[in-house]
C-alpha atoms as a PDB file:
ATOM      1  CA  UNK A   1     126.387  74.526  54.790  1.00  0.00           C
ATOM      2  CA  UNK A   2     123.962  75.219  51.965  1.00  0.00           C
ATOM      3  CA  UNK A   3     121.131  73.547  53.920  1.00  0.00           C
ATOM      4  CA  UNK A   4     121.933  75.628  56.985  1.00  0.00           C
ATOM      5  CA  UNK A   5     121.909  78.870  55.049  1.00  0.00           C
ATOM      6  CA  UNK A   6     118.673  77.907  53.321  1.00  0.00           C
ATOM      7  CA  UNK A   7     116.991  77.020  56.569  1.00  0.00           C
ATOM      8  CA  UNK A   8     117.887  80.293  58.316  1.00  0.00           C
ATOM      9  CA  UNK A   9     115.491  82.495  56.280  1.00  0.00           C
ATOM     10  CA  UNK A  10     112.750  79.921  56.805  1.00  0.00           C
ATOM     11  CA  UNK A  11     113.330  79.921  60.547  1.00  0.00           C
ATOM     12  CA  UNK A  12     113.286  83.710  60.611  1.00  0.00           C
ATOM     13  CA  UNK A  13     110.022  83.836  58.682  1.00  0.00           C
ATOM     14  CA  UNK A  14     108.450  81.280  60.999  1.00  0.00           C
ATOM     15  CA  UNK A  15     109.616  83.228  64.037  1.00  0.00           C
ATOM     16  CA  UNK A  16     108.203  86.451  62.570  1.00  0.00           C
ATOM     17  CA  UNK A  17     104.859  84.751  61.955  1.00  0.00           C
ATOM     18  CA  UNK A  18     104.780  83.444  65.536  1.00  0.00           C
ATOM     19  CA  UNK A  19     105.608  86.921  66.818  1.00  0.00           C
ATOM     20  CA  UNK A  20     102.652  88.381  64.891  1.00  0.00           C
ATOM     21  CA  UNK A  21     100.318  85.715  66.226  1.00  0.00           C
ATOM     22  CA  UNK A  22     101.865  85.088  69.632  1.00  0.00           C
ATOM     23  CA  UNK A  23      98.753  85.700  71.744  1.00  0.00           C
ATOM     24  CA  UNK A  24      96.428  83.719  69.455  1.00  0.00           C
ATOM     25  CA  UNK A  25      98.890  80.833  69.428  1.00  0.00           C
ATOM     26  CA  UNK A  26      99.216  80.986  73.188  1.00  0.00           C
ATOM     27  CA  UNK A  27      95.485  80.673  73.800  1.00  0.00           C
ATOM     28  CA  UNK A  28      94.982  78.031  71.111  1.00  0.00           C
ATOM     29  CA  UNK A  29      97.891  75.853  72.239  1.00  0.00           C
ATOM     30  CA  UNK A  30      96.955  76.192  75.922  1.00  0.00           C
ATOM     31  CA  UNK A  31      93.426  74.986  75.196  1.00  0.00           C
ATOM     32  CA  UNK A  32      94.640  72.164  72.960  1.00  0.00           C
ATOM     33  CA  UNK A  33      97.195  70.957  75.532  1.00  0.00           C
ATOM     34  CA  UNK A  34      94.835  71.032  78.512  1.00  0.00           C
ATOM     35  CA  UNK A  35      91.592  70.002  76.805  1.00  0.00           C
ATOM     36  CA  UNK A  36      93.257  67.075  75.036  1.00  0.00           C
ATOM     37  CA  UNK A  37      94.387  65.631  78.364  1.00  0.00           C
ATOM     38  CA  UNK A  38      90.994  66.390  79.927  1.00  0.00           C
ATOM     39  CA  UNK A  39      89.329  64.577  77.038  1.00  0.00           C
ATOM     40  CA  UNK A  40      91.548  61.508  77.378  1.00  0.00           C
ATOM     41  CA  UNK A  41      90.977  61.369  81.132  1.00  0.00           C
ATOM     42  CA  UNK A  42      87.208  61.614  80.637  1.00  0.00           C
ATOM     43  CA  UNK A  43      87.333  58.457  78.493  1.00  0.00           C
ATOM     44  CA  UNK A  44      89.286  56.269  80.896  1.00  0.00           C
ATOM     45  CA  UNK A  45      88.415  55.109  84.382  1.00  0.00           C
ATOM     46  CA  UNK A  46      90.863  55.974  87.159  1.00  0.00           C
ATOM     47  CA  UNK A  47      89.615  54.583  90.442  1.00  0.00           C
ATOM     48  CA  UNK A  48      92.029  56.471  92.673  1.00  0.00           C
ATOM     49  CA  UNK A  49      90.666  60.029  92.787  1.00  0.00           C
ATOM     50  CA  UNK A  50      94.006  61.421  93.960  1.00  0.00           C
ATOM     51  CA  UNK A  51      95.680  59.909  90.915  1.00  0.00           C
ATOM     52  CA  UNK A  52      93.000  61.435  88.675  1.00  0.00           C
ATOM     53  CA  UNK A  53      93.435  64.838  90.297  1.00  0.00           C
ATOM     54  CA  UNK A  54      97.201  64.773  89.695  1.00  0.00           C
ATOM     55  CA  UNK A  55      96.762  63.964  85.992  1.00  0.00           C
ATOM     56  CA  UNK A  56      94.265  66.811  85.734  1.00  0.00           C
ATOM     57  CA  UNK A  57      96.826  69.138  87.313  1.00  0.00           C
ATOM     58  CA  UNK A  58      99.382  68.044  84.723  1.00  0.00           C
ATOM     59  CA  UNK A  59      96.884  69.212  82.103  1.00  0.00           C
ATOM     60  CA  UNK A  60      96.526  72.496  84.014  1.00  0.00           C
ATOM     61  CA  UNK A  61     100.200  73.239  83.368  1.00  0.00           C
ATOM     62  CA  UNK A  62      99.265  74.017  79.768  1.00  0.00           C
ATOM     63  CA  UNK A  63      99.317  77.845  79.999  1.00  0.00           C
ATOM     64  CA  UNK A  64     102.723  78.086  81.669  1.00  0.00           C
ATOM     65  CA  UNK A  65     104.366  75.426  79.486  1.00  0.00           C
ATOM     66  CA  UNK A  66     102.972  76.900  76.268  1.00  0.00           C
ATOM     67  CA  UNK A  67     104.149  80.382  77.287  1.00  0.00           C
ATOM     68  CA  UNK A  68     107.621  78.994  77.990  1.00  0.00           C
ATOM     69  CA  UNK A  69     107.760  77.244  74.613  1.00  0.00           C
ATOM     70  CA  UNK A  70     106.632  80.273  72.602  1.00  0.00           C
ATOM     71  CA  UNK A  71     109.030  82.547  74.514  1.00  0.00           C
ATOM     72  CA  UNK A  72     111.902  80.180  73.770  1.00  0.00           C
ATOM     73  CA  UNK A  73     111.075  80.201  70.056  1.00  0.00           C
ATOM     74  CA  UNK A  74     110.721  83.973  69.868  1.00  0.00           C
ATOM     75  CA  UNK A  75     113.986  84.691  71.673  1.00  0.00           C
ATOM     76  CA  UNK A  76     116.230  81.646  71.218  1.00  0.00           C
ATOM     77  CA  UNK A  77     119.530  83.393  71.971  1.00  0.00           C
ATOM     78  CA  UNK A  78     121.467  81.682  74.743  1.00  0.00           C
ATOM     79  CA  UNK A  79     123.765  83.121  77.350  1.00  0.00           C
ATOM     80  CA  UNK A  80     125.184  81.839  80.630  1.00  0.00           C
ATOM     81  CA  UNK A  81     123.276  82.649  83.810  1.00  0.00           C
ATOM     82  CA  UNK A  82     124.824  84.393  86.752  1.00  0.00           C
ATOM     83  CA  UNK A  83     124.769  82.601  90.075  1.00  0.00           C
ATOM     84  CA  UNK A  84     123.228  79.171  90.481  1.00  0.00           C
ATOM     85  CA  UNK A  85     123.036  77.185  87.244  1.00  0.00           C
ATOM     86  CA  UNK A  86     119.764  75.998  85.738  1.00  0.00           C
ATOM     87  CA  UNK A  87     120.575  72.338  86.440  1.00  0.00           C
ATOM     88  CA  UNK A  88     121.438  72.992  90.084  1.00  0.00           C
ATOM     89  CA  UNK A  89     118.333  75.116  90.610  1.00  0.00           C
ATOM     90  CA  UNK A  90     116.182  72.471  88.893  1.00  0.00           C
ATOM     91  CA  UNK A  91     117.531  69.796  91.255  1.00  0.00           C
ATOM     92  CA  UNK A  92     116.803  71.959  94.312  1.00  0.00           C
ATOM     93  CA  UNK A  93     113.340  72.868  93.046  1.00  0.00           C
ATOM     94  CA  UNK A  94     112.559  69.219  92.256  1.00  0.00           C
ATOM     95  CA  UNK A  95     113.590  68.151  95.768  1.00  0.00           C
ATOM     96  CA  UNK A  96     111.519  70.906  97.408  1.00  0.00           C
ATOM     97  CA  UNK A  97     108.444  70.210  95.261  1.00  0.00           C
ATOM     98  CA  UNK A  98     108.734  66.463  95.870  1.00  0.00           C
ATOM     99  CA  UNK A  99     108.936  67.074  99.625  1.00  0.00           C
ATOM    100  CA  UNK A 100     105.759  69.169  99.561  1.00  0.00           C
ATOM    101  CA  UNK A 101     103.942  66.523  97.513  1.00  0.00           C
ATOM    102  CA  UNK A 102     105.053  63.703  99.844  1.00  0.00           C
ATOM    103  CA  UNK A 103     103.952  65.683 102.909  1.00  0.00           C
ATOM    104  CA  UNK A 104     100.599  66.347 101.269  1.00  0.00           C
ATOM    105  CA  UNK A 105     100.085  62.624 100.639  1.00  0.00           C
ATOM    106  CA  UNK A 106     101.012  61.825 104.224  1.00  0.00           C
ATOM    107  CA  UNK A 107      98.839  64.411 105.968  1.00  0.00           C
ATOM    108  CA  UNK A 108      95.833  63.933 103.698  1.00  0.00           C
ATOM    109  CA  UNK A 109      96.231  60.125 103.792  1.00  0.00           C
ATOM    110  CA  UNK A 110      96.120  59.651 100.025  1.00  0.00           C
ATOM    111  CA  UNK A 111      96.164  56.134  98.625  1.00  0.00           C
ATOM    112  CA  UNK A 112      99.395  55.579  96.702  1.00  0.00           C
ATOM    113  CA  UNK A 113      99.463  53.531  93.503  1.00  0.00           C
ATOM    114  CA  UNK A 114     101.672  53.263  90.417  1.00  0.00           C
ATOM    115  CA  UNK A 115      99.582  55.756  88.477  1.00  0.00           C
ATOM    116  CA  UNK A 116      99.917  58.304  91.266  1.00  0.00           C
ATOM    117  CA  UNK A 117     103.697  57.868  91.446  1.00  0.00           C
ATOM    118  CA  UNK A 118     103.974  58.358  87.671  1.00  0.00           C
ATOM    119  CA  UNK A 119     101.765  61.462  87.776  1.00  0.00           C
ATOM    120  CA  UNK A 120     103.741  62.834  90.720  1.00  0.00           C
ATOM    121  CA  UNK A 121     107.044  62.511  88.874  1.00  0.00           C
ATOM    122  CA  UNK A 122     105.665  64.438  85.908  1.00  0.00           C
ATOM    123  CA  UNK A 123     103.929  67.046  88.060  1.00  0.00           C
ATOM    124  CA  UNK A 124     106.955  67.667  90.276  1.00  0.00           C
ATOM    125  CA  UNK A 125     109.185  67.917  87.184  1.00  0.00           C
ATOM    126  CA  UNK A 126     106.872  70.533  85.653  1.00  0.00           C
ATOM    127  CA  UNK A 127     106.902  72.588  88.841  1.00  0.00           C
ATOM    128  CA  UNK A 128     110.703  72.373  89.025  1.00  0.00           C
ATOM    129  CA  UNK A 129     111.008  73.395  85.374  1.00  0.00           C
ATOM    130  CA  UNK A 130     108.943  76.556  85.828  1.00  0.00           C
ATOM    131  CA  UNK A 131     110.699  77.490  89.067  1.00  0.00           C
ATOM    132  CA  UNK A 132     114.183  76.954  87.655  1.00  0.00           C
ATOM    133  CA  UNK A 133     113.357  78.597  84.323  1.00  0.00           C
ATOM    134  CA  UNK A 134     114.626  81.896  85.737  1.00  0.00           C
ATOM    135  CA  UNK A 135     118.107  80.428  85.129  1.00  0.00           C
ATOM    136  CA  UNK A 136     117.348  78.739  81.800  1.00  0.00           C
ATOM    137  CA  UNK A 137     119.962  79.567  79.129  1.00  0.00           C
ATOM    138  CA  UNK A 138     117.423  80.822  76.561  1.00  0.00           C
ATOM    139  CA  UNK A 139     116.754  84.543  76.788  1.00  0.00           C
ATOM    140  CA  UNK A 140     113.023  84.295  76.079  1.00  0.00           C
ATOM    141  CA  UNK A 141     112.349  81.906  78.954  1.00  0.00           C
ATOM    142  CA  UNK A 142     114.391  83.945  81.416  1.00  0.00           C
ATOM    143  CA  UNK A 143     112.552  87.122  80.433  1.00  0.00           C
ATOM    144  CA  UNK A 144     109.137  85.451  80.719  1.00  0.00           C
ATOM    145  CA  UNK A 145     109.845  84.120  84.193  1.00  0.00           C
ATOM    146  CA  UNK A 146     111.822  87.122  85.413  1.00  0.00           C
ATOM    147  CA  UNK A 147     108.692  88.239  87.264  1.00  0.00           C
ATOM    148  CA  UNK A 148     109.386  85.498  89.801  1.00  0.00           C
ATOM    149  CA  UNK A 149     112.674  87.169  90.697  1.00  0.00           C
ATOM    150  CA  UNK A 150     111.057  90.540  91.483  1.00  0.00           C
ATOM    151  CA  UNK A 151     110.512  89.788  95.148  1.00  0.00           C
ATOM    152  CA  UNK A 152     111.766  93.042  96.677  1.00  0.00           C
ATOM    153  CA  UNK A 153     108.326  94.508  97.320  1.00  0.00           C
ATOM    154  CA  UNK A 154     106.687  96.081 100.318  1.00  0.00           C
ATOM    155  CA  UNK A 155     105.396  93.443 102.725  1.00  0.00           C
ATOM    156  CA  UNK A 156     101.982  95.043 102.336  1.00  0.00           C
ATOM    157  CA  UNK A 157     101.651  93.677  98.797  1.00  0.00           C
ATOM    158  CA  UNK A 158     102.220  90.132 100.002  1.00  0.00           C
ATOM    159  CA  UNK A 159      99.800  90.601 102.900  1.00  0.00           C
ATOM    160  CA  UNK A 160      97.200  91.948 100.483  1.00  0.00           C
ATOM    161  CA  UNK A 161      97.720  89.089  98.044  1.00  0.00           C
ATOM    162  CA  UNK A 162      97.425  86.431 100.745  1.00  0.00           C
ATOM    163  CA  UNK A 163      94.690  88.045 102.816  1.00  0.00           C
ATOM    164  CA  UNK A 164      92.346  89.519 100.216  1.00  0.00           C
ATOM    165  CA  UNK A 165      90.343  86.427  99.323  1.00  0.00           C
ATOM    166  CA  UNK A 166      90.006  85.038 102.902  1.00  0.00           C
ATOM    167  CA  UNK A 167      88.779  88.493 103.964  1.00  0.00           C
ATOM    168  CA  UNK A 168      86.209  88.494 101.141  1.00  0.00           C
ATOM    169  CA  UNK A 169      85.011  85.022 102.136  1.00  0.00           C
ATOM    170  CA  UNK A 170      84.685  85.931 105.824  1.00  0.00           C
ATOM    171  CA  UNK A 171      82.936  89.189 104.980  1.00  0.00           C
ATOM    172  CA  UNK A 172      80.691  87.524 102.412  1.00  0.00           C
ATOM    173  CA  UNK A 173      79.650  84.800 104.833  1.00  0.00           C
ATOM    174  CA  UNK A 174      78.855  87.397 107.508  1.00  0.00           C
ATOM    175  CA  UNK A 175      76.681  89.317 105.062  1.00  0.00           C
ATOM    176  CA  UNK A 176      74.991  86.119 103.895  1.00  0.00           C
ATOM    177  CA  UNK A 177      74.147  85.060 107.443  1.00  0.00           C
ATOM    178  CA  UNK A 178      72.868  88.540 108.288  1.00  0.00           C
ATOM    179  CA  UNK A 179      70.605  88.376 105.241  1.00  0.00           C
ATOM    180  CA  UNK A 180      69.358  84.920 106.149  1.00  0.00           C
ATOM    181  CA  UNK A 181      71.171  83.238 103.263  1.00  0.00           C
ATOM    182  CA  UNK A 182      72.854  79.895 103.620  1.00  0.00           C
ATOM    183  CA  UNK A 183      76.523  79.170 104.177  1.00  0.00           C
ATOM    184  CA  UNK A 184      77.811  75.670 103.320  1.00  0.00           C
ATOM    185  CA  UNK A 185      79.008  73.309 106.018  1.00  0.00           C
ATOM    186  CA  UNK A 186      82.616  73.418 107.133  1.00  0.00           C
ATOM    187  CA  UNK A 187      84.834  71.407 104.737  1.00  0.00           C
ATOM    188  CA  UNK A 188      86.571  68.291 106.024  1.00  0.00           C
ATOM    189  CA  UNK A 189      90.297  68.343 106.632  1.00  0.00           C
ATOM    190  CA  UNK A 190      92.595  65.944 108.496  1.00  0.00           C
ATOM    191  CA  UNK A 191      93.090  66.117 112.241  1.00  0.00           C
ATOM    192  CA  UNK A 192      96.628  67.474 112.189  1.00  0.00           C
ATOM    193  CA  UNK A 193      97.782  70.836 113.603  1.00  0.00           C
ATOM    194  CA  UNK A 194      95.833  73.442 111.638  1.00  0.00           C
ATOM    195  CA  UNK A 195      98.510  76.109 111.160  1.00  0.00           C
ATOM    196  CA  UNK A 196     101.114  73.762 109.589  1.00  0.00           C
ATOM    197  CA  UNK A 197      98.372  72.183 107.482  1.00  0.00           C
ATOM    198  CA  UNK A 198      97.327  75.583 106.110  1.00  0.00           C
ATOM    199  CA  UNK A 199     100.949  76.496 105.308  1.00  0.00           C
ATOM    200  CA  UNK A 200     101.545  73.139 103.620  1.00  0.00           C
ATOM    201  CA  UNK A 201      98.345  73.477 101.624  1.00  0.00           C
ATOM    202  CA  UNK A 202      99.286  77.001 100.541  1.00  0.00           C
ATOM    203  CA  UNK A 203     102.624  75.850  99.128  1.00  0.00           C
ATOM    204  CA  UNK A 204     101.085  72.719  97.621  1.00  0.00           C
ATOM    205  CA  UNK A 205      98.552  74.833  95.752  1.00  0.00           C
ATOM    206  CA  UNK A 206     101.227  77.297  94.700  1.00  0.00           C
ATOM    207  CA  UNK A 207     103.322  74.532  93.139  1.00  0.00           C
ATOM    208  CA  UNK A 208     100.675  72.211  91.746  1.00  0.00           C
ATOM    209  CA  UNK A 209      97.135  73.505  92.223  1.00  0.00           C
ATOM    210  CA  UNK A 210      96.870  76.368  89.742  1.00  0.00           C
ATOM    211  CA  UNK A 211      99.275  79.265  90.367  1.00  0.00           C
ATOM    212  CA  UNK A 212     102.525  77.887  88.956  1.00  0.00           C
ATOM    213  CA  UNK A 213     100.556  75.840  86.416  1.00  0.00           C
ATOM    214  CA  UNK A 214      98.923  78.919  84.905  1.00  0.00           C
ATOM    215  CA  UNK A 215     100.253  82.322  85.928  1.00  0.00           C
ATOM    216  CA  UNK A 216     103.372  82.432  83.773  1.00  0.00           C
ATOM    217  CA  UNK A 217     100.896  82.057  80.929  1.00  0.00           C
ATOM    218  CA  UNK A 218      97.828  84.111  81.859  1.00  0.00           C
ATOM    219  CA  UNK A 219      99.621  87.026  83.457  1.00  0.00           C
ATOM    220  CA  UNK A 220     103.337  86.706  82.593  1.00  0.00           C
ATOM    221  CA  UNK A 221     102.702  86.108  78.882  1.00  0.00           C
ATOM    222  CA  UNK A 222      99.142  87.041  77.851  1.00  0.00           C
ATOM    223  CA  UNK A 223      98.427  89.996  80.150  1.00  0.00           C
ATOM    224  CA  UNK A 224     101.849  91.527  79.548  1.00  0.00           C
ATOM    225  CA  UNK A 225     101.408  91.332  75.776  1.00  0.00           C
ATOM    226  CA  UNK A 226      97.728  92.227  75.518  1.00  0.00           C
ATOM    227  CA  UNK A 227      98.126  95.401  77.552  1.00  0.00           C
ATOM    228  CA  UNK A 228     100.887  96.560  75.211  1.00  0.00           C
ATOM    229  CA  UNK A 229      98.279  96.619  72.434  1.00  0.00           C
ATOM    230  CA  UNK A 230      95.097  97.294  74.412  1.00  0.00           C
ATOM    231  CA  UNK A 231      94.435  98.631  77.890  1.00  0.00           C
ATOM    232  CA  UNK A 232      95.121  96.567  81.032  1.00  0.00           C
ATOM    233  CA  UNK A 233      91.365  96.356  81.607  1.00  0.00           C
ATOM    234  CA  UNK A 234      90.635  95.085  78.102  1.00  0.00           C
ATOM    235  CA  UNK A 235      93.424  92.544  78.393  1.00  0.00           C
ATOM    236  CA  UNK A 236      92.103  91.344  81.744  1.00  0.00           C
ATOM    237  CA  UNK A 237      88.549  90.967  80.425  1.00  0.00           C
ATOM    238  CA  UNK A 238      89.749  88.903  77.466  1.00  0.00           C
ATOM    239  CA  UNK A 239      91.906  86.710  79.679  1.00  0.00           C
ATOM    240  CA  UNK A 240      89.143  86.340  82.276  1.00  0.00           C
ATOM    241  CA  UNK A 241      86.640  85.157  79.674  1.00  0.00           C
ATOM    242  CA  UNK A 242      89.054  82.642  78.153  1.00  0.00           C
ATOM    243  CA  UNK A 243      90.383  81.615  81.573  1.00  0.00           C
ATOM    244  CA  UNK A 244      86.833  80.770  82.630  1.00  0.00           C
ATOM    245  CA  UNK A 245      86.168  78.857  79.407  1.00  0.00           C
ATOM    246  CA  UNK A 246      89.424  76.927  79.852  1.00  0.00           C
ATOM    247  CA  UNK A 247      88.060  75.534  83.157  1.00  0.00           C
ATOM    248  CA  UNK A 248      84.722  74.387  81.705  1.00  0.00           C
ATOM    249  CA  UNK A 249      85.688  70.719  81.055  1.00  0.00           C
ATOM    250  CA  UNK A 250      86.443  70.277  84.755  1.00  0.00           C
ATOM    251  CA  UNK A 251      82.825  71.145  85.550  1.00  0.00           C
ATOM    252  CA  UNK A 252      81.443  68.904  82.825  1.00  0.00           C
ATOM    253  CA  UNK A 253      83.637  66.024  84.037  1.00  0.00           C
ATOM    254  CA  UNK A 254      82.298  66.440  87.576  1.00  0.00           C
ATOM    255  CA  UNK A 255      85.693  67.328  89.028  1.00  0.00           C
ATOM    256  CA  UNK A 256      84.376  70.802  89.820  1.00  0.00           C
ATOM    257  CA  UNK A 257      80.832  71.192  91.206  1.00  0.00           C
ATOM    258  CA  UNK A 258      77.552  72.194  89.582  1.00  0.00           C
ATOM    259  CA  UNK A 259      78.128  70.641  86.157  1.00  0.00           C
ATOM    260  CA  UNK A 260      76.924  72.777  83.254  1.00  0.00           C
ATOM    261  CA  UNK A 261      75.717  75.448  85.678  1.00  0.00           C
ATOM    262  CA  UNK A 262      79.237  75.609  87.078  1.00  0.00           C
ATOM    263  CA  UNK A 263      80.483  76.217  83.560  1.00  0.00           C
ATOM    264  CA  UNK A 264      78.116  79.178  83.214  1.00  0.00           C
ATOM    265  CA  UNK A 265      79.225  80.797  86.469  1.00  0.00           C
ATOM    266  CA  UNK A 266      82.812  80.832  85.212  1.00  0.00           C
ATOM    267  CA  UNK A 267      81.914  84.302  83.995  1.00  0.00           C
ATOM    268  CA  UNK A 268      83.036  85.408  87.461  1.00  0.00           C
ATOM    269  CA  UNK A 269      86.595  84.680  86.316  1.00  0.00           C
ATOM    270  CA  UNK A 270      86.474  88.080  84.597  1.00  0.00           C
ATOM    271  CA  UNK A 271      86.421  90.290  87.733  1.00  0.00           C
ATOM    272  CA  UNK A 272      89.009  88.011  89.295  1.00  0.00           C
ATOM    273  CA  UNK A 273      91.249  88.483  86.247  1.00  0.00           C
ATOM    274  CA  UNK A 274      90.872  92.264  86.621  1.00  0.00           C
ATOM    275  CA  UNK A 275      92.153  92.065  90.200  1.00  0.00           C
ATOM    276  CA  UNK A 276      95.035  89.836  89.108  1.00  0.00           C
ATOM    277  CA  UNK A 277      95.968  92.288  86.345  1.00  0.00           C
ATOM    278  CA  UNK A 278      95.823  95.248  88.735  1.00  0.00           C
ATOM    279  CA  UNK A 279      98.074  93.477  91.249  1.00  0.00           C
ATOM    280  CA  UNK A 280     100.444  92.360  88.480  1.00  0.00           C
ATOM    281  CA  UNK A 281     100.919  95.908  87.224  1.00  0.00           C
ATOM    282  CA  UNK A 282     100.969  97.673  90.592  1.00  0.00           C
ATOM    283  CA  UNK A 283     103.861  95.460  91.719  1.00  0.00           C
ATOM    284  CA  UNK A 284     106.003  96.141  88.650  1.00  0.00           C
ATOM    285  CA  UNK A 285     104.738  93.026  86.836  1.00  0.00           C
ATOM    286  CA  UNK A 286     106.009  90.744  89.575  1.00  0.00           C
ATOM    287  CA  UNK A 287     104.542  87.254  89.402  1.00  0.00           C
ATOM    288  CA  UNK A 288     105.055  86.541  93.097  1.00  0.00           C
ATOM    289  CA  UNK A 289     102.036  88.470  94.494  1.00  0.00           C
ATOM    290  CA  UNK A 290      99.926  87.000  91.694  1.00  0.00           C
ATOM    291  CA  UNK A 291     101.055  83.503  92.652  1.00  0.00           C
ATOM    292  CA  UNK A 292     100.280  84.275  96.306  1.00  0.00           C
ATOM    293  CA  UNK A 293      96.781  85.568  95.524  1.00  0.00           C
ATOM    294  CA  UNK A 294      95.987  82.539  93.362  1.00  0.00           C
ATOM    295  CA  UNK A 295      97.340  80.134  95.978  1.00  0.00           C
ATOM    296  CA  UNK A 296      95.521  81.885  98.846  1.00  0.00           C
ATOM    297  CA  UNK A 297      92.250  81.733  96.930  1.00  0.00           C
ATOM    298  CA  UNK A 298      92.540  77.999  96.292  1.00  0.00           C
ATOM    299  CA  UNK A 299      93.793  77.213  99.795  1.00  0.00           C
ATOM    300  CA  UNK A 300      90.893  79.084 101.389  1.00  0.00           C
ATOM    301  CA  UNK A 301      88.438  76.719  99.697  1.00  0.00           C
ATOM    302  CA  UNK A 302      89.871  73.859 101.769  1.00  0.00           C
ATOM    303  CA  UNK A 303      89.241  75.486 105.126  1.00  0.00           C
ATOM    304  CA  UNK A 304      86.486  78.090 104.779  1.00  0.00           C
ATOM    305  CA  UNK A 305      83.022  77.423 103.362  1.00  0.00           C
ATOM    306  CA  UNK A 306      81.514  80.306 101.432  1.00  0.00           C
ATOM    307  CA  UNK A 307      78.278  81.643 100.084  1.00  0.00           C
ATOM    308  CA  UNK A 308      79.166  81.697  96.395  1.00  0.00           C
ATOM    309  CA  UNK A 309      76.851  84.481  95.250  1.00  0.00           C
ATOM    310  CA  UNK A 310      77.756  86.975  97.967  1.00  0.00           C
ATOM    311  CA  UNK A 311      81.511  86.384  97.830  1.00  0.00           C
ATOM    312  CA  UNK A 312      81.606  86.674  94.049  1.00  0.00           C
ATOM    313  CA  UNK A 313      79.590  89.882  94.165  1.00  0.00           C
ATOM    314  CA  UNK A 314      82.086  91.267  96.681  1.00  0.00           C
ATOM    315  CA  UNK A 315      84.919  90.308  94.337  1.00  0.00           C
ATOM    316  CA  UNK A 316      83.077  92.108  91.554  1.00  0.00           C
ATOM    317  CA  UNK A 317      82.973  95.247  93.712  1.00  0.00           C
ATOM    318  CA  UNK A 318      86.691  94.918  94.471  1.00  0.00           C
ATOM    319  CA  UNK A 319      87.433  94.521  90.764  1.00  0.00           C
ATOM    320  CA  UNK A 320      85.381  97.600  89.918  1.00  0.00           C
ATOM    321  CA  UNK A 321      87.160  99.545  92.674  1.00  0.00           C
ATOM    322  CA  UNK A 322      90.698  98.692  91.580  1.00  0.00           C
ATOM    323  CA  UNK A 323      89.821  99.245  87.902  1.00  0.00           C
ATOM    324  CA  UNK A 324      88.504 102.709  88.725  1.00  0.00           C
ATOM    325  CA  UNK A 325      91.299 103.625  91.146  1.00  0.00           C
ATOM    326  CA  UNK A 326      93.980 102.379  88.739  1.00  0.00           C
ATOM    327  CA  UNK A 327      92.320 103.861  85.641  1.00  0.00           C
ATOM    328  CA  UNK A 328      92.838 100.513  84.014  1.00  0.00           C
ATOM    329  CA  UNK A 329      90.926 101.506  80.893  1.00  0.00           C
ATOM    330  CA  UNK A 330      93.853 103.716  79.870  1.00  0.00           C
ATOM    331  CA  UNK A 331      96.718 102.249  77.801  1.00  0.00           C
ATOM    332  CA  UNK A 332      99.869 101.738  79.824  1.00  0.00           C
ATOM    333  CA  UNK A 333     101.833 104.220  77.736  1.00  0.00           C
ATOM    334  CA  UNK A 334      99.530 106.977  79.085  1.00  0.00           C
ATOM    335  CA  UNK A 335      99.072 105.488  82.525  1.00  0.00           C
ATOM    336  CA  UNK A 336     102.268 103.895  83.672  1.00  0.00           C
ATOM    337  CA  UNK A 337     100.919 102.935  87.086  1.00  0.00           C
ATOM    338  CA  UNK A 338      97.765 101.209  85.808  1.00  0.00           C
END
């Protein structure tokens, strides 16, 4: 009893310190989690490239997992959830994520080995955890992930989120060809019906290829907190710079193209982060359109080649347009619809 009473003030002080340093801790822990795994993977040889890619995607879950952990510490109170329980939702989410991963292996003809099966089990479990976290007993986790339950939006927001990046790529390629600039060759994809393949790829990316791995952290945690202290634009610029830096090891490892040059061009993550922040706020801080935009962007890379310079410049113009139209330089307390 004495030990319990003595430990309570210590726990409260620790929680208060974490609350004061929540954003710094989030960025630091996200980098440590992801970069540590990247570093380990760079030192070992994994012959099966699909297996390697899945372990890299486990590392990419750093931002969302760190945000969940910090949120749980800051608001540890527990209460029962209404509706489907966390365990039941986790089981359903695990089954759905596993089905998408199995279909992806089948259609893309990936070589299966023990390392891939192990990575898949971890990756699918992480996806199921984030999805089912909306029913987790701890208040902090439920609040963090509540943005995934705000789905009652105009269909136009979802169409914008899914169609924006493909439209930029198509428009950018048209401008590049008109100017006599090059457009890369069409990417390879398996000879299965295109429409189902695109849909499958969209959901695969949403679950494993970036959106669910990161967005609960970058937008749900960091953007939401930064813009309470700064403006939405300032928060987005900070996140965009660190988001780009967070990806750098993937270029240096050769998993992403262009090596060190690719690391430099990550500066274009900043205008992209501005668009994400604008969409996040305009939809009442719903994570669903953000997840759709992120997934659509990654899926497009599988099926549409692009002129990098032109498309990124178009995205820069879009970012400038939404920042100006939304007056994103104003603090939210003076500009509620930033």
